[in-house]
Protein backbone atom coordinates (compact mmCIF):
# COMPACT_ATOMS: atom_id res chain seq x y z
CA MET A 1 -0.06 0.07 -0.08
CA LEU A 2 1.10 3.46 -1.38
CA PHE A 3 0.03 5.66 1.40
CA GLY A 4 -0.33 3.31 4.85
CA ASN A 5 1.09 5.11 7.69
CA PHE A 6 -0.75 8.27 8.19
CA ASN A 7 1.14 8.15 11.49
CA GLY A 8 3.52 11.34 10.42
CA ILE A 9 0.38 13.28 9.49
CA PHE A 10 -1.86 13.08 12.49
CA MET A 11 1.28 13.99 14.57
CA SER A 12 1.95 16.92 13.01
CA LEU A 13 -2.15 18.08 12.84
CA PHE A 14 -2.02 17.39 17.15
CA THR A 15 1.59 19.45 17.44
CA LEU A 16 0.02 22.28 15.85
CA ILE A 17 -3.34 22.14 17.26
CA ALA A 18 -1.34 21.54 20.50
CA ILE A 19 0.70 24.50 20.13
CA GLY A 20 -2.06 27.27 18.92
CA LEU A 21 -4.37 26.40 22.29
CA GLY A 22 -0.87 26.71 24.18
CA PHE A 23 -1.55 30.40 23.30
CA VAL A 24 -5.19 30.56 24.16
CA TRP A 25 -4.07 28.76 27.69
CA VAL A 26 -1.39 31.54 28.47
CA ILE A 27 -3.75 34.15 27.60
CA LYS A 28 -6.19 32.56 29.81
CA LEU A 29 -4.27 32.00 32.71
CA GLU A 30 -2.43 35.02 32.69
CA TYR A 31 -5.84 37.06 32.27
CA TYR A 32 -7.98 35.52 35.05
CA ILE A 33 -5.31 33.89 37.80
CA GLY A 34 -1.79 35.60 36.52
CA ALA A 35 2.22 35.21 35.33
CA GLN A 36 2.49 33.18 39.25
CA VAL A 37 1.40 30.00 37.42
CA ALA A 38 4.43 29.81 34.78
CA LYS A 39 6.23 27.34 37.23
CA TRP A 40 3.06 25.34 38.39
CA VAL A 41 2.55 24.82 34.44
CA ALA A 42 6.62 23.89 33.80
CA ILE A 43 6.70 20.96 36.45
CA LEU A 44 3.35 19.91 35.18
CA GLY A 45 4.34 19.77 31.67
CA GLY A 46 7.62 17.64 33.05
CA LEU A 47 5.80 15.36 34.91
CA LEU A 48 3.81 14.65 31.98
CA ILE A 49 7.18 14.28 29.58
CA VAL A 50 8.30 12.16 32.08
CA GLY A 51 5.03 10.52 32.17
CA SER A 52 4.94 9.48 28.88
CA LEU A 53 7.79 7.38 28.77
CA PHE A 54 5.71 4.90 30.67
CA ILE A 55 3.38 4.86 28.46
CA PRO A 56 3.93 1.78 26.17
CA ASN A 57 1.10 2.80 23.65
CA PHE A 58 3.60 4.83 21.00
CA THR A 59 0.93 7.31 19.46
CA LEU A 60 -0.56 8.14 23.20
CA SER A 61 2.86 8.41 24.68
CA ALA A 62 4.22 10.99 21.75
CA MET A 63 0.80 12.31 22.52
CA VAL A 64 0.95 12.94 26.03
CA GLY A 65 4.84 14.18 25.52
CA ILE A 66 4.16 17.24 23.05
CA VAL A 67 1.60 18.34 25.02
CA GLY A 68 4.03 18.28 27.71
CA GLY A 69 6.57 19.77 26.09
CA THR A 70 3.97 22.32 24.50
CA MET A 71 2.64 22.96 28.08
CA VAL A 72 6.52 23.66 29.41
CA TRP A 73 7.04 26.03 26.39
CA GLY A 74 4.01 28.20 27.39
CA ALA A 75 5.53 28.61 30.96
CA THR A 76 7.94 30.34 29.16
CA GLU A 77 5.95 32.66 27.43
CA PHE A 78 3.71 33.66 30.75
CA SER A 79 6.32 36.43 31.28
CA ALA A 80 6.05 37.84 27.80
CA GLN A 81 2.16 37.33 27.52
CA GLU A 82 2.62 39.91 31.25
CA GLU A 83 4.15 42.42 29.41
CA ARG A 84 1.97 42.71 26.64
CA VAL A 85 -0.49 43.13 28.73
CA LYS A 86 1.11 46.22 30.31
CA GLN A 87 2.17 47.58 26.88
CA GLY A 88 -1.84 47.70 26.52
CA ILE A 89 -1.82 44.28 23.54
CA PHE A 90 -3.80 42.12 25.49
CA PRO A 91 -6.47 43.32 28.05
CA ALA A 92 -6.35 42.99 32.26
CA ASN A 93 -8.42 41.44 34.21
CA PRO A 94 -10.42 44.54 35.96
CA ARG A 95 -11.20 41.65 38.64
CA LYS A 96 -7.54 40.32 38.71
CA SER A 97 -5.64 42.17 41.26
CA ASP A 98 -2.46 43.79 40.42
CA LYS A 99 -0.71 42.03 43.96
CA ASN A 100 -0.34 39.01 42.43
CA VAL A 101 2.02 40.03 39.91
């Protein structure tokens, strides 16, 4: 069969979606909670990456690793997102206290 293995296409689409959603959840978490959650997001992402080592199914292991990697990368974006809010590029949450920053 010429086109029998769609794993590469599937994983590339999954990665694209995970990264795209990563932009959204970083913006939303910073808006509602603040950038101080970055370390917890990084820890959770790291745990997902390590956990992917113990998943015997290749596809599921790769998906969990991709989500974990996306979370670790997203954790590094919280300070930049906080700066974009200060510059007025994104709206600030009027109910969120700046004392947490």
